[in-house]
Amino acid sequence: MSSITGNKGRAARAVNVSGRSTFRRAFVLPRFLRRPVRYSIALATGRVDISPHVGSVAAFAFLATTGIYGMTLGGHIHAVTQAVTTGVGFALEDVHVIGNAETSDIDILQQLGLDGSTSVVAIDAHAAREQLMELPWVTDAQVQKIYPRGMTVRLIEREPVGIWQHGDRLMLIDARGDVIAPLTGSRHAALPLYVGLGADRHADELEARLLFHPELRDRVKAAIRIADRRWDLRLDNGVTLSLPADDVGAALKRFAEFDAGRDVLSRDITVVDLRLEDRITLRLSEASFERRKNALEARAKLIKAGKKS
């Protein structure tokens, strides 16, 4: 029997006496396994010299890896990192807060859980920002670590535009009508008052209409939401403007034209009713009504006396 080896040793062909041929393919390792296998064979046969400290290094690496893995599973990696880095000079000592008018420094430190043992290295700036965003006044925040011992916190706070009264609760609201926090003290007592169910959600719409009538807007002390459909505006002199459910802007413009030169709001009235498109109705106060009634009666008597004479 004779044999012929093919190109590059990839295949061998055997020819027997009967003229028939058979093919056999040699096993070839994948390329990425060849070097590791050769190194393993050389290591097993003693052709590779091993440094006397390799075993110690390998044991130390194994123990360190095992320890880190165990701390990770047990949730202790953060505490260990913080303890180690604090001890070598990375303890947080200087926190600089910028942009907080309504949120106190103490609230910020408590929200972040900062104390004397906090390490700058162990602080997660992204997680700290998320924690600050949970504070009622904060609308945006930035946290920057300053090595070795500092951190800067920048806050953007929500701006209150009014007070929403619902039942016996007084809440500060922003321009979108979102509740910020309960009203405490007199710091924001001068803000306009919005009363009733739905007043918080529709306050921005009313404010947008009143911007075109600044003289009237400055006199509004309370805006009362009626059945969550329309507004009554209570002015500083006690007069009430009853607005329609739709097209508030047109009603306010109609009143401004009617009031020009008349100074209606300075008269002895209690209500200006703007709910009907074709008329403006004024309701007199009780005292004014009595005076008008007496005047009409006296006039009627004079007319009657004149006819008899």
C-alpha atoms as a PDB file:
ATOM      1  CA  MET A   1       0.000   0.000   0.000  1.00  0.00           C
ATOM      2  CA  SER A   2       1.259   3.441  -0.884  1.00  0.00           C
ATOM      3  CA  SER A   3       0.118   6.842   0.441  1.00  0.00           C
ATOM      4  CA  ILE A   4       0.304  10.394  -0.891  1.00  0.00           C
ATOM      5  CA  THR A   5       0.075  13.473   1.320  1.00  0.00           C
ATOM      6  CA  GLY A   6      -1.872  16.403  -0.139  1.00  0.00           C
ATOM      7  CA  ASN A   7      -0.970  20.122  -0.095  1.00  0.00           C
ATOM      8  CA  LYS A   8      -0.304  21.736   3.310  1.00  0.00           C
ATOM      9  CA  GLY A   9      -0.885  18.371   5.004  1.00  0.00           C
ATOM     10  CA  ARG A  10      -4.644  18.944   5.057  1.00  0.00           C
ATOM     11  CA  ALA A  11      -5.621  15.567   3.565  1.00  0.00           C
ATOM     12  CA  ALA A  12      -4.086  12.156   2.812  1.00  0.00           C
ATOM     13  CA  ARG A  13      -5.128   9.834   0.019  1.00  0.00           C
ATOM     14  CA  ALA A  14      -4.589   6.055   0.223  1.00  0.00           C
ATOM     15  CA  VAL A  15      -4.664   3.862  -2.877  1.00  0.00           C
ATOM     16  CA  ASN A  16      -5.079   0.128  -2.509  1.00  0.00           C
ATOM     17  CA  VAL A  17      -4.346  -2.582  -4.968  1.00  0.00           C
ATOM     18  CA  SER A  18      -7.892  -2.684  -6.260  1.00  0.00           C
ATOM     19  CA  GLY A  19      -7.574   0.889  -7.556  1.00  0.00           C
ATOM     20  CA  ARG A  20     -10.086   2.373  -5.110  1.00  0.00           C
ATOM     21  CA  SER A  21      -9.050   5.437  -3.067  1.00  0.00           C
ATOM     22  CA  THR A  22     -10.116   6.609   0.394  1.00  0.00           C
ATOM     23  CA  PHE A  23      -9.771  10.100   1.912  1.00  0.00           C
ATOM     24  CA  ARG A  24      -8.802  10.876   5.526  1.00  0.00           C
ATOM     25  CA  ARG A  25      -8.756  14.476   6.911  1.00  0.00           C
ATOM     26  CA  ALA A  26      -6.265  15.316   9.686  1.00  0.00           C
ATOM     27  CA  PHE A  27      -7.721  17.081  12.798  1.00  0.00           C
ATOM     28  CA  VAL A  28      -6.674  20.778  12.966  1.00  0.00           C
ATOM     29  CA  LEU A  29      -7.196  22.976  16.045  1.00  0.00           C
ATOM     30  CA  PRO A  30      -8.953  26.317  15.605  1.00  0.00           C
ATOM     31  CA  ARG A  31      -6.541  29.236  15.405  1.00  0.00           C
ATOM     32  CA  PHE A  32      -7.491  30.772  18.762  1.00  0.00           C
ATOM     33  CA  LEU A  33      -6.730  27.507  20.607  1.00  0.00           C
ATOM     34  CA  ARG A  34      -3.371  26.753  19.097  1.00  0.00           C
ATOM     35  CA  ARG A  35      -1.205  29.025  21.270  1.00  0.00           C
ATOM     36  CA  PRO A  36      -2.864  28.057  24.601  1.00  0.00           C
ATOM     37  CA  VAL A  37      -2.499  24.364  23.753  1.00  0.00           C
ATOM     38  CA  ARG A  38       1.161  24.760  22.806  1.00  0.00           C
ATOM     39  CA  TYR A  39       1.847  26.658  26.020  1.00  0.00           C
ATOM     40  CA  SER A  40       0.042  24.012  28.094  1.00  0.00           C
ATOM     41  CA  ILE A  41       2.101  21.250  26.485  1.00  0.00           C
ATOM     42  CA  ALA A  42       5.333  23.161  27.082  1.00  0.00           C
ATOM     43  CA  LEU A  43       4.313  23.781  30.703  1.00  0.00           C
ATOM     44  CA  ALA A  44       3.503  20.096  31.239  1.00  0.00           C
ATOM     45  CA  THR A  45       6.760  18.908  29.722  1.00  0.00           C
ATOM     46  CA  GLY A  46       8.897  21.338  31.736  1.00  0.00           C
ATOM     47  CA  ARG A  47      10.087  23.460  28.824  1.00  0.00           C
ATOM     48  CA  VAL A  48       8.796  26.661  30.520  1.00  0.00           C
ATOM     49  CA  ASP A  49      10.501  28.159  33.554  1.00  0.00           C
ATOM     50  CA  ILE A  50       8.127  29.326  36.338  1.00  0.00           C
ATOM     51  CA  SER A  51       9.154  32.191  38.620  1.00  0.00           C
ATOM     52  CA  PRO A  52       9.281  31.170  42.285  1.00  0.00           C
ATOM     53  CA  HIS A  53       6.817  33.990  43.237  1.00  0.00           C
ATOM     54  CA  VAL A  54       4.127  33.118  40.698  1.00  0.00           C
ATOM     55  CA  GLY A  55       2.361  30.805  43.103  1.00  0.00           C
ATOM     56  CA  SER A  56       2.172  33.438  45.831  1.00  0.00           C
ATOM     57  CA  VAL A  57       0.893  36.066  43.394  1.00  0.00           C
ATOM     58  CA  ALA A  58      -1.684  33.674  42.019  1.00  0.00           C
ATOM     59  CA  ALA A  59      -2.863  32.742  45.504  1.00  0.00           C
ATOM     60  CA  PHE A  60      -3.134  36.407  46.483  1.00  0.00           C
ATOM     61  CA  ALA A  61      -5.077  37.207  43.298  1.00  0.00           C
ATOM     62  CA  PHE A  62      -7.417  34.293  43.936  1.00  0.00           C
ATOM     63  CA  LEU A  63      -8.078  35.344  47.518  1.00  0.00           C
ATOM     64  CA  ALA A  64      -8.589  38.996  46.492  1.00  0.00           C
ATOM     65  CA  THR A  65     -11.009  38.026  43.742  1.00  0.00           C
ATOM     66  CA  THR A  66     -12.903  35.775  46.112  1.00  0.00           C
ATOM     67  CA  GLY A  67     -13.094  38.541  48.733  1.00  0.00           C
ATOM     68  CA  ILE A  68     -14.352  41.131  46.252  1.00  0.00           C
ATOM     69  CA  TYR A  69     -16.936  38.687  44.938  1.00  0.00           C
ATOM     70  CA  GLY A  70     -18.127  37.939  48.468  1.00  0.00           C
ATOM     71  CA  MET A  71     -18.377  41.642  49.367  1.00  0.00           C
ATOM     72  CA  THR A  72     -20.340  42.276  46.180  1.00  0.00           C
ATOM     73  CA  LEU A  73     -22.820  39.507  46.949  1.00  0.00           C
ATOM     74  CA  GLY A  74     -23.191  40.736  50.516  1.00  0.00           C
ATOM     75  CA  GLY A  75     -23.609  44.380  49.498  1.00  0.00           C
ATOM     76  CA  HIS A  76     -20.558  45.532  51.469  1.00  0.00           C
ATOM     77  CA  ILE A  77     -18.397  46.790  48.612  1.00  0.00           C
ATOM     78  CA  HIS A  78     -19.541  50.413  49.035  1.00  0.00           C
ATOM     79  CA  ALA A  79     -18.889  50.437  52.788  1.00  0.00           C
ATOM     80  CA  VAL A  80     -15.450  48.881  52.376  1.00  0.00           C
ATOM     81  CA  THR A  81     -14.498  51.306  49.591  1.00  0.00           C
ATOM     82  CA  GLN A  82     -15.674  54.244  51.675  1.00  0.00           C
ATOM     83  CA  ALA A  83     -13.774  53.104  54.780  1.00  0.00           C
ATOM     84  CA  VAL A  84     -10.543  52.501  52.886  1.00  0.00           C
ATOM     85  CA  THR A  85     -10.569  55.733  50.854  1.00  0.00           C
ATOM     86  CA  THR A  86     -11.608  57.853  53.841  1.00  0.00           C
ATOM     87  CA  GLY A  87      -8.644  56.559  55.795  1.00  0.00           C
ATOM     88  CA  VAL A  88      -6.153  57.545  53.088  1.00  0.00           C
ATOM     89  CA  GLY A  89      -7.267  61.195  52.795  1.00  0.00           C
ATOM     90  CA  PHE A  90     -10.446  61.273  50.671  1.00  0.00           C
ATOM     91  CA  ALA A  91     -12.922  62.103  53.453  1.00  0.00           C
ATOM     92  CA  LEU A  92     -15.548  64.635  52.295  1.00  0.00           C
ATOM     93  CA  GLU A  93     -15.053  67.880  54.202  1.00  0.00           C
ATOM     94  CA  ASP A  94     -16.251  70.719  51.940  1.00  0.00           C
ATOM     95  CA  VAL A  95     -19.726  70.773  50.326  1.00  0.00           C
ATOM     96  CA  HIS A  96     -20.527  73.921  48.322  1.00  0.00           C
ATOM     97  CA  VAL A  97     -24.249  74.396  47.539  1.00  0.00           C
ATOM     98  CA  ILE A  98     -25.400  76.841  44.834  1.00  0.00           C
ATOM     99  CA  GLY A  99     -28.897  77.926  43.800  1.00  0.00           C
ATOM    100  CA  ASN A 100     -30.908  76.893  46.852  1.00  0.00           C
ATOM    101  CA  ALA A 101     -33.330  79.613  47.942  1.00  0.00           C
ATOM    102  CA  GLU A 102     -36.077  77.378  49.358  1.00  0.00           C
ATOM    103  CA  THR A 103     -34.151  74.191  50.177  1.00  0.00           C
ATOM    104  CA  SER A 104     -31.911  74.381  53.257  1.00  0.00           C
ATOM    105  CA  ASP A 105     -28.355  73.092  53.327  1.00  0.00           C
ATOM    106  CA  ILE A 106     -29.313  70.688  56.096  1.00  0.00           C
ATOM    107  CA  ASP A 107     -32.066  69.146  53.939  1.00  0.00           C
ATOM    108  CA  ILE A 108     -29.549  68.639  51.132  1.00  0.00           C
ATOM    109  CA  LEU A 109     -26.959  66.967  53.367  1.00  0.00           C
ATOM    110  CA  GLN A 110     -29.587  64.711  54.928  1.00  0.00           C
ATOM    111  CA  GLN A 111     -31.007  63.781  51.539  1.00  0.00           C
ATOM    112  CA  LEU A 112     -27.552  62.725  50.333  1.00  0.00           C
ATOM    113  CA  GLY A 113     -26.784  60.907  53.586  1.00  0.00           C
ATOM    114  CA  LEU A 114     -23.516  62.804  54.103  1.00  0.00           C
ATOM    115  CA  ASP A 115     -21.685  62.566  57.406  1.00  0.00           C
ATOM    116  CA  GLY A 116     -18.153  62.752  58.694  1.00  0.00           C
ATOM    117  CA  SER A 117     -17.265  59.314  57.334  1.00  0.00           C
ATOM    118  CA  THR A 118     -18.326  59.935  53.725  1.00  0.00           C
ATOM    119  CA  SER A 119     -15.647  59.405  51.082  1.00  0.00           C
ATOM    120  CA  VAL A 120     -15.449  61.473  47.904  1.00  0.00           C
ATOM    121  CA  VAL A 121     -14.376  58.362  45.986  1.00  0.00           C
ATOM    122  CA  ALA A 122     -17.407  56.364  47.114  1.00  0.00           C
ATOM    123  CA  ILE A 123     -19.965  59.049  46.133  1.00  0.00           C
ATOM    124  CA  ASP A 124     -21.985  58.214  43.014  1.00  0.00           C
ATOM    125  CA  ALA A 125     -22.663  61.609  41.398  1.00  0.00           C
ATOM    126  CA  HIS A 126     -25.523  60.267  39.252  1.00  0.00           C
ATOM    127  CA  ALA A 127     -27.243  58.601  42.208  1.00  0.00           C
ATOM    128  CA  ALA A 128     -26.746  61.761  44.287  1.00  0.00           C
ATOM    129  CA  ARG A 129     -28.453  63.822  41.586  1.00  0.00           C
ATOM    130  CA  GLU A 130     -31.417  61.429  41.535  1.00  0.00           C
ATOM    131  CA  GLN A 131     -31.724  61.755  45.312  1.00  0.00           C
ATOM    132  CA  LEU A 132     -31.736  65.556  45.120  1.00  0.00           C
ATOM    133  CA  MET A 133     -34.434  65.484  42.429  1.00  0.00           C
ATOM    134  CA  GLU A 134     -36.767  63.915  45.015  1.00  0.00           C
ATOM    135  CA  LEU A 135     -36.757  67.098  47.102  1.00  0.00           C
ATOM    136  CA  PRO A 136     -40.027  69.047  46.633  1.00  0.00           C
ATOM    137  CA  TRP A 137     -38.486  72.325  45.454  1.00  0.00           C
ATOM    138  CA  VAL A 138     -35.797  70.888  43.172  1.00  0.00           C
ATOM    139  CA  THR A 139     -36.463  70.743  39.427  1.00  0.00           C
ATOM    140  CA  ASP A 140     -32.874  70.020  38.363  1.00  0.00           C
ATOM    141  CA  ALA A 141     -29.556  69.293  40.058  1.00  0.00           C
ATOM    142  CA  GLN A 142     -25.884  68.801  39.280  1.00  0.00           C
ATOM    143  CA  VAL A 143     -23.330  67.086  41.524  1.00  0.00           C
ATOM    144  CA  GLN A 144     -19.587  67.465  40.913  1.00  0.00           C
ATOM    145  CA  LYS A 145     -16.894  65.765  42.965  1.00  0.00           C
ATOM    146  CA  ILE A 146     -13.765  67.822  43.614  1.00  0.00           C
ATOM    147  CA  TYR A 147     -10.844  65.693  44.745  1.00  0.00           C
ATOM    148  CA  PRO A 148      -9.526  65.115  47.274  1.00  0.00           C
ATOM    149  CA  ARG A 149     -12.107  66.394  49.807  1.00  0.00           C
ATOM    150  CA  GLY A 150     -14.755  68.552  48.103  1.00  0.00           C
ATOM    151  CA  MET A 151     -18.097  68.434  46.278  1.00  0.00           C
ATOM    152  CA  THR A 152     -20.251  71.076  44.551  1.00  0.00           C
ATOM    153  CA  VAL A 153     -24.055  70.861  44.373  1.00  0.00           C
ATOM    154  CA  ARG A 154     -25.963  73.122  41.963  1.00  0.00           C
ATOM    155  CA  LEU A 155     -29.750  73.307  42.244  1.00  0.00           C
ATOM    156  CA  ILE A 156     -32.482  74.787  40.078  1.00  0.00           C
ATOM    157  CA  GLU A 157     -35.627  75.262  42.139  1.00  0.00           C
ATOM    158  CA  ARG A 158     -39.256  75.603  41.144  1.00  0.00           C
ATOM    159  CA  GLU A 159     -40.791  79.063  41.344  1.00  0.00           C
ATOM    160  CA  PRO A 160     -44.164  79.439  43.086  1.00  0.00           C
ATOM    161  CA  VAL A 161     -46.711  81.603  41.276  1.00  0.00           C
ATOM    162  CA  GLY A 162     -49.754  81.121  43.487  1.00  0.00           C
ATOM    163  CA  ILE A 163     -51.417  79.525  46.489  1.00  0.00           C
ATOM    164  CA  TRP A 164     -54.010  76.805  45.927  1.00  0.00           C
ATOM    165  CA  GLN A 165     -56.665  76.385  48.574  1.00  0.00           C
ATOM    166  CA  HIS A 166     -58.601  73.131  48.504  1.00  0.00           C
ATOM    167  CA  GLY A 167     -60.682  72.571  51.600  1.00  0.00           C
ATOM    168  CA  ASP A 168     -58.568  73.705  54.538  1.00  0.00           C
ATOM    169  CA  ARG A 169     -55.255  72.987  52.805  1.00  0.00           C
ATOM    170  CA  LEU A 170     -53.044  75.751  51.404  1.00  0.00           C
ATOM    171  CA  MET A 171     -50.458  74.569  48.863  1.00  0.00           C
ATOM    172  CA  LEU A 172     -47.905  76.461  46.774  1.00  0.00           C
ATOM    173  CA  ILE A 173     -48.162  75.782  43.027  1.00  0.00           C
ATOM    174  CA  ASP A 174     -45.850  76.539  40.094  1.00  0.00           C
ATOM    175  CA  ALA A 175     -46.675  77.965  36.657  1.00  0.00           C
ATOM    176  CA  ARG A 176     -47.935  74.582  35.421  1.00  0.00           C
ATOM    177  CA  GLY A 177     -50.276  74.205  38.391  1.00  0.00           C
ATOM    178  CA  ASP A 178     -48.196  71.444  39.985  1.00  0.00           C
ATOM    179  CA  VAL A 179     -48.160  71.408  43.767  1.00  0.00           C
ATOM    180  CA  ILE A 180     -44.741  72.256  45.214  1.00  0.00           C
ATOM    181  CA  ALA A 181     -45.157  72.172  48.985  1.00  0.00           C
ATOM    182  CA  PRO A 182     -47.556  73.270  51.752  1.00  0.00           C
ATOM    183  CA  LEU A 183     -47.676  76.986  52.506  1.00  0.00           C
ATOM    184  CA  THR A 184     -45.805  77.717  55.743  1.00  0.00           C
ATOM    185  CA  GLY A 185     -45.161  81.109  57.272  1.00  0.00           C
ATOM    186  CA  SER A 186     -45.702  84.426  55.537  1.00  0.00           C
ATOM    187  CA  ARG A 187     -42.879  84.248  52.981  1.00  0.00           C
ATOM    188  CA  HIS A 188     -45.254  83.639  50.037  1.00  0.00           C
ATOM    189  CA  ALA A 189     -48.445  85.043  51.530  1.00  0.00           C
ATOM    190  CA  ALA A 190     -48.612  87.830  48.917  1.00  0.00           C
ATOM    191  CA  LEU A 191     -49.032  85.390  46.016  1.00  0.00           C
ATOM    192  CA  PRO A 192     -52.476  85.203  44.344  1.00  0.00           C
ATOM    193  CA  LEU A 193     -54.906  82.738  45.854  1.00  0.00           C
ATOM    194  CA  TYR A 194     -56.642  80.092  43.721  1.00  0.00           C
ATOM    195  CA  VAL A 195     -59.570  78.398  45.410  1.00  0.00           C
ATOM    196  CA  GLY A 196     -61.541  75.262  44.614  1.00  0.00           C
ATOM    197  CA  LEU A 197     -61.364  71.963  42.798  1.00  0.00           C
ATOM    198  CA  GLY A 198     -59.439  72.266  39.521  1.00  0.00           C
ATOM    199  CA  ALA A 199     -58.123  75.743  40.361  1.00  0.00           C
ATOM    200  CA  ASP A 200     -54.542  74.463  40.430  1.00  0.00           C
ATOM    201  CA  ARG A 201     -54.767  72.898  36.950  1.00  0.00           C
ATOM    202  CA  HIS A 202     -56.387  75.936  35.285  1.00  0.00           C
ATOM    203  CA  ALA A 203     -54.499  78.702  37.084  1.00  0.00           C
ATOM    204  CA  ASP A 204     -51.998  79.107  34.234  1.00  0.00           C
ATOM    205  CA  GLU A 205     -54.825  79.638  31.711  1.00  0.00           C
ATOM    206  CA  LEU A 206     -56.364  82.405  33.806  1.00  0.00           C
ATOM    207  CA  GLU A 207     -52.971  83.997  34.415  1.00  0.00           C
ATOM    208  CA  ALA A 208     -52.322  84.084  30.672  1.00  0.00           C
ATOM    209  CA  ARG A 209     -55.572  86.013  30.097  1.00  0.00           C
ATOM    210  CA  LEU A 210     -54.953  88.475  32.936  1.00  0.00           C
ATOM    211  CA  LEU A 211     -51.521  89.381  31.584  1.00  0.00           C
ATOM    212  CA  PHE A 212     -53.308  91.480  28.940  1.00  0.00           C
ATOM    213  CA  HIS A 213     -55.070  93.454  31.705  1.00  0.00           C
ATOM    214  CA  PRO A 214     -52.330  94.359  34.207  1.00  0.00           C
ATOM    215  CA  GLU A 215     -54.438  96.973  36.077  1.00  0.00           C
ATOM    216  CA  LEU A 216     -57.116  94.384  36.802  1.00  0.00           C
ATOM    217  CA  ARG A 217     -54.570  91.628  37.513  1.00  0.00           C
ATOM    218  CA  ASP A 218     -52.927  93.713  40.239  1.00  0.00           C
ATOM    219  CA  ARG A 219     -56.259  94.011  42.018  1.00  0.00           C
ATOM    220  CA  VAL A 220     -57.135  90.296  42.017  1.00  0.00           C
ATOM    221  CA  LYS A 221     -56.737  88.839  45.494  1.00  0.00           C
ATOM    222  CA  ALA A 222     -58.399  85.487  44.907  1.00  0.00           C
ATOM    223  CA  ALA A 223     -59.597  83.471  41.930  1.00  0.00           C
ATOM    224  CA  ILE A 224     -62.381  81.044  42.841  1.00  0.00           C
ATOM    225  CA  ARG A 225     -63.049  78.056  40.592  1.00  0.00           C
ATOM    226  CA  ILE A 226     -66.794  77.415  40.332  1.00  0.00           C
ATOM    227  CA  ALA A 227     -67.763  73.735  39.732  1.00  0.00           C
ATOM    228  CA  ASP A 228     -64.461  73.335  37.868  1.00  0.00           C
ATOM    229  CA  ARG A 229     -66.049  75.198  34.932  1.00  0.00           C
ATOM    230  CA  ARG A 230     -65.473  78.929  35.336  1.00  0.00           C
ATOM    231  CA  TRP A 231     -63.907  81.626  37.550  1.00  0.00           C
ATOM    232  CA  ASP A 232     -65.037  84.294  39.999  1.00  0.00           C
ATOM    233  CA  LEU A 233     -62.375  86.952  40.593  1.00  0.00           C
ATOM    234  CA  ARG A 234     -62.391  88.551  44.056  1.00  0.00           C
ATOM    235  CA  LEU A 235     -60.826  92.026  43.912  1.00  0.00           C
ATOM    236  CA  ASP A 236     -59.043  93.997  46.621  1.00  0.00           C
ATOM    237  CA  ASN A 237     -62.162  96.127  47.323  1.00  0.00           C
ATOM    238  CA  GLY A 238     -64.455  93.093  47.699  1.00  0.00           C
ATOM    239  CA  VAL A 239     -66.047  93.314  44.240  1.00  0.00           C
ATOM    240  CA  THR A 240     -66.490  89.990  42.415  1.00  0.00           C
ATOM    241  CA  LEU A 241     -66.091  89.575  38.650  1.00  0.00           C
ATOM    242  CA  SER A 242     -68.068  86.551  37.432  1.00  0.00           C
ATOM    243  CA  LEU A 243     -66.386  85.212  34.272  1.00  0.00           C
ATOM    244  CA  PRO A 244     -67.967  82.902  31.688  1.00  0.00           C
ATOM    245  CA  ALA A 245     -66.909  79.279  31.225  1.00  0.00           C
ATOM    246  CA  ASP A 246     -65.654  79.963  27.691  1.00  0.00           C
ATOM    247  CA  ASP A 247     -63.748  82.802  26.012  1.00  0.00           C
ATOM    248  CA  VAL A 248     -62.528  84.492  29.176  1.00  0.00           C
ATOM    249  CA  GLY A 249     -60.289  86.781  27.143  1.00  0.00           C
ATOM    250  CA  ALA A 250     -63.233  88.254  25.229  1.00  0.00           C
ATOM    251  CA  ALA A 251     -65.174  88.825  28.475  1.00  0.00           C
ATOM    252  CA  LEU A 252     -62.267  90.681  30.079  1.00  0.00           C
ATOM    253  CA  LYS A 253     -61.827  92.823  26.974  1.00  0.00           C
ATOM    254  CA  ARG A 254     -65.545  93.658  26.971  1.00  0.00           C
ATOM    255  CA  PHE A 255     -65.356  94.734  30.609  1.00  0.00           C
ATOM    256  CA  ALA A 256     -62.261  96.875  29.976  1.00  0.00           C
ATOM    257  CA  GLU A 257     -64.100  98.727  27.212  1.00  0.00           C
ATOM    258  CA  PHE A 258     -67.179  99.155  29.424  1.00  0.00           C
ATOM    259  CA  ASP A 259     -65.147 100.388  32.391  1.00  0.00           C
ATOM    260  CA  ALA A 260     -63.164 102.950  30.379  1.00  0.00           C
ATOM    261  CA  GLY A 261     -64.061 106.389  31.737  1.00  0.00           C
ATOM    262  CA  ARG A 262     -66.666 105.011  34.166  1.00  0.00           C
ATOM    263  CA  ASP A 263     -64.441 103.600  36.928  1.00  0.00           C
ATOM    264  CA  VAL A 264     -67.074 100.980  37.678  1.00  0.00           C
ATOM    265  CA  LEU A 265     -65.029  99.138  40.271  1.00  0.00           C
ATOM    266  CA  SER A 266     -64.880 102.182  42.543  1.00  0.00           C
ATOM    267  CA  ARG A 267     -68.643 102.343  42.812  1.00  0.00           C
ATOM    268  CA  ASP A 268     -70.839 100.849  45.519  1.00  0.00           C
ATOM    269  CA  ILE A 269     -71.342  97.475  43.834  1.00  0.00           C
ATOM    270  CA  THR A 270     -70.623  93.861  44.831  1.00  0.00           C
ATOM    271  CA  VAL A 271     -70.730  91.879  41.576  1.00  0.00           C
ATOM    272  CA  VAL A 272     -69.915  92.487  37.924  1.00  0.00           C
ATOM    273  CA  ASP A 273     -71.473  89.623  35.967  1.00  0.00           C
ATOM    274  CA  LEU A 274     -69.782  88.978  32.591  1.00  0.00           C
ATOM    275  CA  ARG A 275     -71.278  85.549  31.904  1.00  0.00           C
ATOM    276  CA  LEU A 276     -73.652  86.743  29.155  1.00  0.00           C
ATOM    277  CA  GLU A 277     -72.130  87.881  25.886  1.00  0.00           C
ATOM    278  CA  ASP A 278     -74.679  90.629  25.153  1.00  0.00           C
ATOM    279  CA  ARG A 279     -74.771  92.393  28.517  1.00  0.00           C
ATOM    280  CA  ILE A 280     -72.896  93.289  31.680  1.00  0.00           C
ATOM    281  CA  THR A 281     -74.894  93.071  34.903  1.00  0.00           C
ATOM    282  CA  LEU A 282     -73.997  95.012  38.049  1.00  0.00           C
ATOM    283  CA  ARG A 283     -75.224  94.015  41.486  1.00  0.00           C
ATOM    284  CA  LEU A 284     -75.500  96.824  44.046  1.00  0.00           C
ATOM    285  CA  SER A 285     -74.452  96.476  47.648  1.00  0.00           C
ATOM    286  CA  GLU A 286     -77.149  96.350  50.317  1.00  0.00           C
ATOM    287  CA  ALA A 287     -76.539  99.934  51.405  1.00  0.00           C
ATOM    288  CA  SER A 288     -76.546 101.178  47.831  1.00  0.00           C
ATOM    289  CA  PHE A 289     -79.661  99.203  47.087  1.00  0.00           C
ATOM    290  CA  GLU A 290     -81.473 100.777  50.077  1.00  0.00           C
ATOM    291  CA  ARG A 291     -80.369 104.253  49.029  1.00  0.00           C
ATOM    292  CA  ARG A 292     -81.546 103.679  45.496  1.00  0.00           C
ATOM    293  CA  LYS A 293     -84.837 102.249  46.743  1.00  0.00           C
ATOM    294  CA  ASN A 294     -85.454 105.258  48.993  1.00  0.00           C
ATOM    295  CA  ALA A 295     -84.568 107.655  46.198  1.00  0.00           C
ATOM    296  CA  LEU A 296     -87.011 105.997  43.815  1.00  0.00           C
ATOM    297  CA  GLU A 297     -89.778 106.102  46.420  1.00  0.00           C
ATOM    298  CA  ALA A 298     -89.145 109.769  47.110  1.00  0.00           C
ATOM    299  CA  ARG A 299     -89.180 110.514  43.403  1.00  0.00           C
ATOM    300  CA  ALA A 300     -92.476 108.672  43.015  1.00  0.00           C
ATOM    301  CA  LYS A 301     -94.011 110.738  45.831  1.00  0.00           C
ATOM    302  CA  LEU A 302     -92.878 113.988  44.254  1.00  0.00           C
ATOM    303  CA  ILE A 303     -94.374 113.002  40.914  1.00  0.00           C
ATOM    304  CA  LYS A 304     -97.639 112.038  42.585  1.00  0.00           C
ATOM    305  CA  ALA A 305     -97.801 115.312  44.555  1.00  0.00           C
ATOM    306  CA  GLY A 306     -97.187 117.285  41.369  1.00  0.00           C
ATOM    307  CA  LYS A 307    -100.065 115.620  39.608  1.00  0.00           C
ATOM    308  CA  LYS A 308    -102.476 116.448  42.426  1.00  0.00           C
ATOM    309  CA  SER A 309    -101.529 120.116  42.390  1.00  0.00           C
END
